[in-house]
Amino acid sequence: MKKTSNGQSAYCLDCDGKITLNHARVGQIVTCPHCKVQLEIVSTDPVEFYWMWEEDDDEAEDDEQG
């Protein structure tokens, strides 16, 4: 993470592209401008991301049946 005059920046977990954030908040969902993956901000000092996983439909059905 690096602070800039425009805010903070961090790097995408998927493509390593630089993401600049002006007002980062924990829990905020951001979309990488380079690869379009969605990431959740889990820390703001320094800015850290975590993967946003979408639940697979097959797994949801298995959970309901089992």
PDB file of N, CA and C in Angstrom:
ATOM      1  N   MET A   1       0.840  -1.173   0.000  1.00  0.00           N
ATOM      2  CA  MET A   1       0.000   0.000   0.000  1.00  0.00           C
ATOM      3  C   MET A   1       0.878   1.227   0.000  1.00  0.00           C
ATOM      4  N   LYS A   2       0.425   2.221  -0.735  1.00  0.00           N
ATOM      5  CA  LYS A   2       1.196   3.441  -0.851  1.00  0.00           C
ATOM      6  C   LYS A   2       0.234   4.623  -0.806  1.00  0.00           C
ATOM      7  N   LYS A   3       0.537   5.612   0.027  1.00  0.00           N
ATOM      8  CA  LYS A   3      -0.311   6.796   0.085  1.00  0.00           C
ATOM      9  C   LYS A   3       0.109   7.752  -1.022  1.00  0.00           C
ATOM     10  N   THR A   4      -0.885   8.339  -1.677  1.00  0.00           N
ATOM     11  CA  THR A   4      -0.621   9.313  -2.728  1.00  0.00           C
ATOM     12  C   THR A   4      -1.404  10.574  -2.400  1.00  0.00           C
ATOM     13  N   SER A   5      -1.189  11.632  -3.149  1.00  0.00           N
ATOM     14  CA  SER A   5      -1.921  12.873  -2.903  1.00  0.00           C
ATOM     15  C   SER A   5      -3.410  12.695  -3.192  1.00  0.00           C
ATOM     16  N   ASN A   6      -3.760  11.719  -4.017  1.00  0.00           N
ATOM     17  CA  ASN A   6      -5.161  11.467  -4.352  1.00  0.00           C
ATOM     18  C   ASN A   6      -5.798  10.433  -3.442  1.00  0.00           C
ATOM     19  N   GLY A   7      -5.073   9.866  -2.502  1.00  0.00           N
ATOM     20  CA  GLY A   7      -5.624   8.835  -1.634  1.00  0.00           C
ATOM     21  C   GLY A   7      -4.608   7.737  -1.424  1.00  0.00           C
ATOM     22  N   GLN A   8      -5.108   6.511  -1.435  1.00  0.00           N
ATOM     23  CA  GLN A   8      -4.247   5.362  -1.230  1.00  0.00           C
ATOM     24  C   GLN A   8      -4.316   4.463  -2.450  1.00  0.00           C
ATOM     25  N   SER A   9      -3.311   3.636  -2.600  1.00  0.00           N
ATOM     26  CA  SER A   9      -3.337   2.669  -3.692  1.00  0.00           C
ATOM     27  C   SER A   9      -2.887   1.314  -3.165  1.00  0.00           C
ATOM     28  N   ALA A  10      -3.398   0.297  -3.815  1.00  0.00           N
ATOM     29  CA  ALA A  10      -3.033  -1.080  -3.505  1.00  0.00           C
ATOM     30  C   ALA A  10      -3.087  -1.845  -4.821  1.00  0.00           C
ATOM     31  N   TYR A  11      -2.693  -3.103  -4.781  1.00  0.00           N
ATOM     32  CA  TYR A  11      -2.614  -3.876  -6.012  1.00  0.00           C
ATOM     33  C   TYR A  11      -3.618  -5.015  -6.012  1.00  0.00           C
ATOM     34  N   CYS A  12      -4.225  -5.240  -7.158  1.00  0.00           N
ATOM     35  CA  CYS A  12      -5.236  -6.275  -7.344  1.00  0.00           C
ATOM     36  C   CYS A  12      -4.644  -7.649  -7.040  1.00  0.00           C
ATOM     37  N   LEU A  13      -5.422  -8.475  -6.338  1.00  0.00           N
ATOM     38  CA  LEU A  13      -4.988  -9.837  -6.023  1.00  0.00           C
ATOM     39  C   LEU A  13      -4.959 -10.733  -7.254  1.00  0.00           C
ATOM     40  N   ASP A  14      -5.733 -10.378  -8.280  1.00  0.00           N
ATOM     41  CA  ASP A  14      -5.852 -11.216  -9.468  1.00  0.00           C
ATOM     42  C   ASP A  14      -4.827 -10.851 -10.544  1.00  0.00           C
ATOM     43  N   CYS A  15      -4.761  -9.573 -10.900  1.00  0.00           N
ATOM     44  CA  CYS A  15      -3.914  -9.177 -12.036  1.00  0.00           C
ATOM     45  C   CYS A  15      -2.714  -8.325 -11.633  1.00  0.00           C
ATOM     46  N   ASP A  16      -2.616  -7.940 -10.349  1.00  0.00           N
ATOM     47  CA  ASP A  16      -1.528  -7.102  -9.852  1.00  0.00           C
ATOM     48  C   ASP A  16      -1.584  -5.663 -10.371  1.00  0.00           C
ATOM     49  N   GLY A  17      -2.734  -5.281 -10.932  1.00  0.00           N
ATOM     50  CA  GLY A  17      -2.910  -3.914 -11.399  1.00  0.00           C
ATOM     51  C   GLY A  17      -3.086  -2.965 -10.229  1.00  0.00           C
ATOM     52  N   LYS A  18      -2.639  -1.745 -10.381  1.00  0.00           N
ATOM     53  CA  LYS A  18      -2.728  -0.737  -9.325  1.00  0.00           C
ATOM     54  C   LYS A  18      -4.150  -0.193  -9.242  1.00  0.00           C
ATOM     55  N   ILE A  19      -4.699  -0.173  -8.020  1.00  0.00           N
ATOM     56  CA  ILE A  19      -6.029   0.359  -7.764  1.00  0.00           C
ATOM     57  C   ILE A  19      -5.867   1.545  -6.819  1.00  0.00           C
ATOM     58  N   THR A  20      -6.321   2.725  -7.239  1.00  0.00           N
ATOM     59  CA  THR A  20      -6.235   3.933  -6.423  1.00  0.00           C
ATOM     60  C   THR A  20      -7.591   4.200  -5.800  1.00  0.00           C
ATOM     61  N   LEU A  21      -7.584   4.447  -4.501  1.00  0.00           N
ATOM     62  CA  LEU A  21      -8.811   4.672  -3.740  1.00  0.00           C
ATOM     63  C   LEU A  21      -8.728   6.011  -3.031  1.00  0.00           C
ATOM     64  N   ASN A  22      -9.775   6.808  -3.127  1.00  0.00           N
ATOM     65  CA  ASN A  22      -9.791   8.108  -2.453  1.00  0.00           C
ATOM     66  C   ASN A  22     -10.324   8.018  -1.035  1.00  0.00           C
ATOM     67  N   HIS A  23     -11.338   7.208  -0.814  1.00  0.00           N
ATOM     68  CA  HIS A  23     -11.965   7.108   0.508  1.00  0.00           C
ATOM     69  C   HIS A  23     -12.244   5.640   0.805  1.00  0.00           C
ATOM     70  N   ALA A  24     -11.217   4.889   1.147  1.00  0.00           N
ATOM     71  CA  ALA A  24     -11.363   3.464   1.414  1.00  0.00           C
ATOM     72  C   ALA A  24     -12.058   3.241   2.750  1.00  0.00           C
ATOM     73  N   ARG A  25     -13.017   2.293   2.762  1.00  0.00           N
ATOM     74  CA  ARG A  25     -13.722   1.901   3.981  1.00  0.00           C
ATOM     75  C   ARG A  25     -13.694   0.384   4.090  1.00  0.00           C
ATOM     76  N   VAL A  26     -13.507  -0.128   5.296  1.00  0.00           N
ATOM     77  CA  VAL A  26     -13.555  -1.570   5.522  1.00  0.00           C
ATOM     78  C   VAL A  26     -14.943  -2.061   5.130  1.00  0.00           C
ATOM     79  N   GLY A  27     -14.981  -3.141   4.373  1.00  0.00           N
ATOM     80  CA  GLY A  27     -16.246  -3.711   3.906  1.00  0.00           C
ATOM     81  C   GLY A  27     -16.655  -3.209   2.532  1.00  0.00           C
ATOM     82  N   GLN A  28     -15.994  -2.172   2.044  1.00  0.00           N
ATOM     83  CA  GLN A  28     -16.306  -1.616   0.736  1.00  0.00           C
ATOM     84  C   GLN A  28     -15.906  -2.610  -0.352  1.00  0.00           C
ATOM     85  N   ILE A  29     -16.740  -2.738  -1.370  1.00  0.00           N
ATOM     86  CA  ILE A  29     -16.447  -3.602  -2.513  1.00  0.00           C
ATOM     87  C   ILE A  29     -15.926  -2.715  -3.634  1.00  0.00           C
ATOM     88  N   VAL A  30     -14.781  -3.065  -4.180  1.00  0.00           N
ATOM     89  CA  VAL A  30     -14.207  -2.319  -5.300  1.00  0.00           C
ATOM     90  C   VAL A  30     -14.021  -3.263  -6.476  1.00  0.00           C
ATOM     91  N   THR A  31     -14.098  -2.713  -7.670  1.00  0.00           N
ATOM     92  CA  THR A  31     -13.880  -3.478  -8.893  1.00  0.00           C
ATOM     93  C   THR A  31     -12.565  -3.029  -9.503  1.00  0.00           C
ATOM     94  N   CYS A  32     -11.695  -3.979  -9.778  1.00  0.00           N
ATOM     95  CA  CYS A  32     -10.411  -3.651 -10.400  1.00  0.00           C
ATOM     96  C   CYS A  32     -10.666  -3.063 -11.785  1.00  0.00           C
ATOM     97  N   PRO A  33     -10.095  -1.895 -12.080  1.00  0.00           N
ATOM     98  CA  PRO A  33     -10.306  -1.286 -13.394  1.00  0.00           C
ATOM     99  C   PRO A  33      -9.587  -2.036 -14.515  1.00  0.00           C
ATOM    100  N   HIS A  34      -8.680  -2.929 -14.164  1.00  0.00           N
ATOM    101  CA  HIS A  34      -7.892  -3.644 -15.164  1.00  0.00           C
ATOM    102  C   HIS A  34      -8.505  -4.990 -15.559  1.00  0.00           C
ATOM    103  N   CYS A  35      -8.942  -5.769 -14.564  1.00  0.00           N
ATOM    104  CA  CYS A  35      -9.436  -7.125 -14.865  1.00  0.00           C
ATOM    105  C   CYS A  35     -10.891  -7.336 -14.449  1.00  0.00           C
ATOM    106  N   LYS A  36     -11.487  -6.332 -13.816  1.00  0.00           N
ATOM    107  CA  LYS A  36     -12.910  -6.335 -13.423  1.00  0.00           C
ATOM    108  C   LYS A  36     -13.268  -7.289 -12.288  1.00  0.00           C
ATOM    109  N   VAL A  37     -12.287  -7.877 -11.592  1.00  0.00           N
ATOM    110  CA  VAL A  37     -12.578  -8.727 -10.442  1.00  0.00           C
ATOM    111  C   VAL A  37     -13.057  -7.845  -9.291  1.00  0.00           C
ATOM    112  N   GLN A  38     -13.980  -8.372  -8.480  1.00  0.00           N
ATOM    113  CA  GLN A  38     -14.463  -7.629  -7.324  1.00  0.00           C
ATOM    114  C   GLN A  38     -13.690  -8.057  -6.086  1.00  0.00           C
ATOM    115  N   LEU A  39     -13.267  -7.056  -5.320  1.00  0.00           N
ATOM    116  CA  LEU A  39     -12.485  -7.285  -4.114  1.00  0.00           C
ATOM    117  C   LEU A  39     -13.117  -6.525  -2.958  1.00  0.00           C
ATOM    118  N   GLU A  40     -12.993  -7.065  -1.751  1.00  0.00           N
ATOM    119  CA  GLU A  40     -13.496  -6.399  -0.558  1.00  0.00           C
ATOM    120  C   GLU A  40     -12.322  -5.803   0.210  1.00  0.00           C
ATOM    121  N   ILE A  41     -12.467  -4.577   0.681  1.00  0.00           N
ATOM    122  CA  ILE A  41     -11.437  -3.947   1.504  1.00  0.00           C
ATOM    123  C   ILE A  41     -11.583  -4.497   2.924  1.00  0.00           C
ATOM    124  N   VAL A  42     -10.517  -5.105   3.435  1.00  0.00           N
ATOM    125  CA  VAL A  42     -10.536  -5.679   4.783  1.00  0.00           C
ATOM    126  C   VAL A  42      -9.692  -4.871   5.762  1.00  0.00           C
ATOM    127  N   SER A  43      -8.896  -3.948   5.257  1.00  0.00           N
ATOM    128  CA  SER A  43      -8.082  -3.072   6.090  1.00  0.00           C
ATOM    129  C   SER A  43      -7.836  -1.781   5.319  1.00  0.00           C
ATOM    130  N   THR A  44      -7.768  -0.666   6.049  1.00  0.00           N
ATOM    131  CA  THR A  44      -7.533   0.612   5.372  1.00  0.00           C
ATOM    132  C   THR A  44      -6.172   1.225   5.676  1.00  0.00           C
ATOM    133  N   ASP A  45      -5.454   0.693   6.640  1.00  0.00           N
ATOM    134  CA  ASP A  45      -4.141   1.262   6.956  1.00  0.00           C
ATOM    135  C   ASP A  45      -3.181   0.152   7.346  1.00  0.00           C
ATOM    136  N   PRO A  46      -2.582  -0.489   6.377  1.00  0.00           N
ATOM    137  CA  PRO A  46      -2.616  -0.246   4.938  1.00  0.00           C
ATOM    138  C   PRO A  46      -3.862  -0.850   4.291  1.00  0.00           C
ATOM    139  N   VAL A  47      -4.151  -0.412   3.070  1.00  0.00           N
ATOM    140  CA  VAL A  47      -5.281  -0.973   2.330  1.00  0.00           C
ATOM    141  C   VAL A  47      -4.956  -2.418   1.968  1.00  0.00           C
ATOM    142  N   GLU A  48      -5.865  -3.316   2.333  1.00  0.00           N
ATOM    143  CA  GLU A  48      -5.724  -4.731   1.990  1.00  0.00           C
ATOM    144  C   GLU A  48      -7.048  -5.229   1.442  1.00  0.00           C
ATOM    145  N   PHE A  49      -6.952  -6.073   0.427  1.00  0.00           N
ATOM    146  CA  PHE A  49      -8.131  -6.639  -0.210  1.00  0.00           C
ATOM    147  C   PHE A  49      -8.277  -8.109   0.142  1.00  0.00           C
ATOM    148  N   TYR A  50      -9.508  -8.611  -0.002  1.00  0.00           N
ATOM    149  CA  TYR A  50      -9.787 -10.039   0.091  1.00  0.00           C
ATOM    150  C   TYR A  50     -10.701 -10.373  -1.075  1.00  0.00           C
ATOM    151  N   TRP A  51     -10.632 -11.589  -1.563  1.00  0.00           N
ATOM    152  CA  TRP A  51     -11.440 -12.015  -2.700  1.00  0.00           C
ATOM    153  C   TRP A  51     -12.926 -11.935  -2.385  1.00  0.00           C
ATOM    154  N   MET A  52     -13.716 -11.532  -3.343  1.00  0.00           N
ATOM    155  CA  MET A  52     -15.174 -11.593  -3.247  1.00  0.00           C
ATOM    156  C   MET A  52     -15.593 -12.843  -4.016  1.00  0.00           C
ATOM    157  N   TRP A  53     -16.018 -13.866  -3.304  1.00  0.00           N
ATOM    158  CA  TRP A  53     -16.428 -15.114  -3.945  1.00  0.00           C
ATOM    159  C   TRP A  53     -17.927 -15.114  -4.146  1.00  0.00           C
ATOM    160  N   GLU A  54     -18.359 -15.515  -5.329  1.00  0.00           N
ATOM    161  CA  GLU A  54     -19.779 -15.694  -5.576  1.00  0.00           C
ATOM    162  C   GLU A  54     -20.104 -17.150  -5.310  1.00  0.00           C
ATOM    163  N   GLU A  55     -21.207 -17.379  -4.604  1.00  0.00           N
ATOM    164  CA  GLU A  55     -21.579 -18.745  -4.272  1.00  0.00           C
ATOM    165  C   GLU A  55     -22.017 -19.474  -5.534  1.00  0.00           C
ATOM    166  N   ASP A  56     -21.483 -20.649  -5.724  1.00  0.00           N
ATOM    167  CA  ASP A  56     -21.809 -21.470  -6.879  1.00  0.00           C
ATOM    168  C   ASP A  56     -23.209 -22.053  -6.696  1.00  0.00           C
ATOM    169  N   ASP A  57     -24.044 -22.018  -7.736  1.00  0.00           N
ATOM    170  CA  ASP A  57     -25.410 -22.538  -7.656  1.00  0.00           C
ATOM    171  C   ASP A  57     -25.448 -24.000  -7.255  1.00  0.00           C
ATOM    172  N   ASP A  58     -24.536 -24.817  -7.766  1.00  0.00           N
ATOM    173  CA  ASP A  58     -24.511 -26.247  -7.428  1.00  0.00           C
ATOM    174  C   ASP A  58     -24.230 -26.446  -5.945  1.00  0.00           C
ATOM    175  N   GLU A  59     -23.322 -25.652  -5.381  1.00  0.00           N
ATOM    176  CA  GLU A  59     -23.004 -25.769  -3.959  1.00  0.00           C
ATOM    177  C   GLU A  59     -24.199 -25.362  -3.108  1.00  0.00           C
ATOM    178  N   ALA A  60     -24.925 -24.329  -3.525  1.00  0.00           N
ATOM    179  CA  ALA A  60     -26.100 -23.882  -2.787  1.00  0.00           C
ATOM    180  C   ALA A  60     -27.168 -24.977  -2.765  1.00  0.00           C
ATOM    181  N   GLU A  61     -27.358 -25.672  -3.889  1.00  0.00           N
ATOM    182  CA  GLU A  61     -28.328 -26.764  -3.946  1.00  0.00           C
ATOM    183  C   GLU A  61     -27.896 -27.910  -3.056  1.00  0.00           C
ATOM    184  N   ASP A  62     -26.599 -28.229  -3.043  1.00  0.00           N
ATOM    185  CA  ASP A  62     -26.095 -29.304  -2.204  1.00  0.00           C
ATOM    186  C   ASP A  62     -26.328 -28.986  -0.732  1.00  0.00           C
ATOM    187  N   ASP A  63     -26.123 -27.712  -0.346  1.00  0.00           N
ATOM    188  CA  ASP A  63     -26.325 -27.310   1.042  1.00  0.00           C
ATOM    189  C   ASP A  63     -27.787 -27.452   1.451  1.00  0.00           C
ATOM    190  N   GLU A  64     -28.693 -27.117   0.537  1.00  0.00           N
ATOM    191  CA  GLU A  64     -30.124 -27.203   0.838  1.00  0.00           C
ATOM    192  C   GLU A  64     -30.584 -28.654   0.971  1.00  0.00           C
ATOM    193  N   GLN A  65     -29.989 -29.555   0.181  1.00  0.00           N
ATOM    194  CA  GLN A  65     -30.416 -30.952   0.181  1.00  0.00           C
ATOM    195  C   GLN A  65     -29.774 -31.748   1.322  1.00  0.00           C
ATOM    196  N   GLY A  66     -28.624 -31.326   1.739  1.00  0.00           N
ATOM    197  CA  GLY A  66     -27.869 -32.152   2.649  1.00  0.00           C
ATOM    198  C   GLY A  66     -27.933 -31.833   4.048  1.00  0.00           C
TER     199      GLY A  66
END
